[in-house]
Amino acid sequence: MKQANFIIVAMVLFDTAATKTHPGPAFNTSNA
């Protein structure tokens, strides 16, 4: 379970970084 949670957190952090570097609908899932 902890490994799955780590993957989710990593995805959220990666999505946040992607939103900052490449703002757009495809990368704006966190701020939808």
PDB file of N, CA and C in Angstrom:
ATOM      1  N   MET A   1       0.841  -1.215   0.000  1.00  0.00           N
ATOM      2  CA  MET A   1       0.000   0.000   0.000  1.00  0.00           C
ATOM      3  C   MET A   1       0.874   1.263   0.000  1.00  0.00           C
ATOM      4  N   LYS A   2       1.937   1.227   0.785  1.00  0.00           N
ATOM      5  CA  LYS A   2       2.805   2.410   0.845  1.00  0.00           C
ATOM      6  C   LYS A   2       3.450   2.685  -0.510  1.00  0.00           C
ATOM      7  N   GLN A   3       3.790   1.626  -1.231  1.00  0.00           N
ATOM      8  CA  GLN A   3       4.403   1.820  -2.544  1.00  0.00           C
ATOM      9  C   GLN A   3       3.406   2.478  -3.492  1.00  0.00           C
ATOM     10  N   ALA A   4       2.155   2.070  -3.433  1.00  0.00           N
ATOM     11  CA  ALA A   4       1.130   2.665  -4.288  1.00  0.00           C
ATOM     12  C   ALA A   4       0.938   4.136  -3.938  1.00  0.00           C
ATOM     13  N   ASN A   5       0.933   4.454  -2.645  1.00  0.00           N
ATOM     14  CA  ASN A   5       0.791   5.847  -2.224  1.00  0.00           C
ATOM     15  C   ASN A   5       1.962   6.680  -2.710  1.00  0.00           C
ATOM     16  N   PHE A   6       3.157   6.107  -2.682  1.00  0.00           N
ATOM     17  CA  PHE A   6       4.339   6.820  -3.156  1.00  0.00           C
ATOM     18  C   PHE A   6       4.210   7.128  -4.643  1.00  0.00           C
ATOM     19  N   ILE A   7       3.682   6.186  -5.405  1.00  0.00           N
ATOM     20  CA  ILE A   7       3.495   6.409  -6.844  1.00  0.00           C
ATOM     21  C   ILE A   7       2.500   7.535  -7.074  1.00  0.00           C
ATOM     22  N   ILE A   8       1.432   7.558  -6.300  1.00  0.00           N
ATOM     23  CA  ILE A   8       0.425   8.614  -6.449  1.00  0.00           C
ATOM     24  C   ILE A   8       1.044   9.969  -6.134  1.00  0.00           C
ATOM     25  N   VAL A   9       1.808  10.049  -5.056  1.00  0.00           N
ATOM     26  CA  VAL A   9       2.454  11.309  -4.689  1.00  0.00           C
ATOM     27  C   VAL A   9       3.432  11.741  -5.775  1.00  0.00           C
ATOM     28  N   ALA A  10       4.191  10.780  -6.297  1.00  0.00           N
ATOM     29  CA  ALA A  10       5.148  11.098  -7.351  1.00  0.00           C
ATOM     30  C   ALA A  10       4.424  11.627  -8.590  1.00  0.00           C
ATOM     31  N   MET A  11       3.284  11.036  -8.924  1.00  0.00           N
ATOM     32  CA  MET A  11       2.517  11.488 -10.082  1.00  0.00           C
ATOM     33  C   MET A  11       2.007  12.904  -9.865  1.00  0.00           C
ATOM     34  N   VAL A  12       1.548  13.193  -8.648  1.00  0.00           N
ATOM     35  CA  VAL A  12       1.046  14.533  -8.342  1.00  0.00           C
ATOM     36  C   VAL A  12       2.170  15.559  -8.440  1.00  0.00           C
ATOM     37  N   LEU A  13       3.341  15.228  -7.877  1.00  0.00           N
ATOM     38  CA  LEU A  13       4.471  16.153  -7.933  1.00  0.00           C
ATOM     39  C   LEU A  13       4.929  16.353  -9.367  1.00  0.00           C
ATOM     40  N   PHE A  14       4.970  15.274 -10.144  1.00  0.00           N
ATOM     41  CA  PHE A  14       5.385  15.379 -11.541  1.00  0.00           C
ATOM     42  C   PHE A  14       4.388  16.217 -12.325  1.00  0.00           C
ATOM     43  N   ASP A  15       3.104  16.039 -12.042  1.00  0.00           N
ATOM     44  CA  ASP A  15       2.071  16.806 -12.736  1.00  0.00           C
ATOM     45  C   ASP A  15       2.182  18.280 -12.381  1.00  0.00           C
ATOM     46  N   THR A  16       2.500  18.581 -11.128  1.00  0.00           N
ATOM     47  CA  THR A  16       2.663  19.974 -10.720  1.00  0.00           C
ATOM     48  C   THR A  16       3.844  20.606 -11.442  1.00  0.00           C
ATOM     49  N   ALA A  17       4.944  19.876 -11.533  1.00  0.00           N
ATOM     50  CA  ALA A  17       6.119  20.390 -12.224  1.00  0.00           C
ATOM     51  C   ALA A  17       5.821  20.570 -13.713  1.00  0.00           C
ATOM     52  N   ALA A  18       5.078  19.647 -14.295  1.00  0.00           N
ATOM     53  CA  ALA A  18       4.744  19.741 -15.712  1.00  0.00           C
ATOM     54  C   ALA A  18       3.849  20.949 -15.960  1.00  0.00           C
ATOM     55  N   THR A  19       2.963  21.237 -15.010  1.00  0.00           N
ATOM     56  CA  THR A  19       2.072  22.380 -15.163  1.00  0.00           C
ATOM     57  C   THR A  19       2.868  23.687 -15.125  1.00  0.00           C
ATOM     58  N   LYS A  20       3.903  23.740 -14.294  1.00  0.00           N
ATOM     59  CA  LYS A  20       4.709  24.953 -14.188  1.00  0.00           C
ATOM     60  C   LYS A  20       5.582  25.156 -15.427  1.00  0.00           C
ATOM     61  N   THR A  21       6.084  24.065 -15.992  1.00  0.00           N
ATOM     62  CA  THR A  21       6.998  24.181 -17.120  1.00  0.00           C
ATOM     63  C   THR A  21       6.241  24.266 -18.442  1.00  0.00           C
ATOM     64  N   HIS A  22       5.140  23.515 -18.554  1.00  0.00           N
ATOM     65  CA  HIS A  22       4.370  23.492 -19.796  1.00  0.00           C
ATOM     66  C   HIS A  22       2.887  23.677 -19.485  1.00  0.00           C
ATOM     67  N   PRO A  23       2.460  24.902 -19.195  1.00  0.00           N
ATOM     68  CA  PRO A  23       1.056  25.133 -18.868  1.00  0.00           C
ATOM     69  C   PRO A  23       0.162  24.783 -20.049  1.00  0.00           C
ATOM     70  N   GLY A  24      -0.878  24.045 -19.782  1.00  0.00           N
ATOM     71  CA  GLY A  24      -1.799  23.650 -20.853  1.00  0.00           C
ATOM     72  C   GLY A  24      -2.837  22.676 -20.318  1.00  0.00           C
ATOM     73  N   PRO A  25      -3.880  22.435 -21.064  1.00  0.00           N
ATOM     74  CA  PRO A  25      -4.967  21.560 -20.617  1.00  0.00           C
ATOM     75  C   PRO A  25      -4.468  20.140 -20.326  1.00  0.00           C
ATOM     76  N   ALA A  26      -3.506  19.663 -21.109  1.00  0.00           N
ATOM     77  CA  ALA A  26      -3.038  18.298 -20.955  1.00  0.00           C
ATOM     78  C   ALA A  26      -2.269  18.121 -19.650  1.00  0.00           C
ATOM     79  N   PHE A  27      -1.670  19.197 -19.157  1.00  0.00           N
ATOM     80  CA  PHE A  27      -0.867  19.107 -17.939  1.00  0.00           C
ATOM     81  C   PHE A  27      -1.551  19.796 -16.758  1.00  0.00           C
ATOM     82  N   ASN A  28      -2.798  20.185 -16.950  1.00  0.00           N
ATOM     83  CA  ASN A  28      -3.478  20.979 -15.926  1.00  0.00           C
ATOM     84  C   ASN A  28      -4.455  20.132 -15.129  1.00  0.00           C
ATOM     85  N   THR A  29      -4.128  18.856 -14.908  1.00  0.00           N
ATOM     86  CA  THR A  29      -5.039  17.978 -14.198  1.00  0.00           C
ATOM     87  C   THR A  29      -5.125  18.333 -12.719  1.00  0.00           C
ATOM     88  N   SER A  30      -4.021  18.824 -12.146  1.00  0.00           N
ATOM     89  CA  SER A  30      -4.019  19.141 -10.719  1.00  0.00           C
ATOM     90  C   SER A  30      -4.875  20.369 -10.425  1.00  0.00           C
ATOM     91  N   ASN A  31      -4.905  21.310 -11.375  1.00  0.00           N
ATOM     92  CA  ASN A  31      -5.623  22.561 -11.127  1.00  0.00           C
ATOM     93  C   ASN A  31      -6.972  22.595 -11.827  1.00  0.00           C
ATOM     94  N   ALA A  32      -7.461  21.454 -12.267  1.00  0.00           N
ATOM     95  CA  ALA A  32      -8.728  21.406 -12.991  1.00  0.00           C
ATOM     96  C   ALA A  32      -9.867  21.826 -12.064  1.00  0.00           C
TER      97      ALA A  32
END
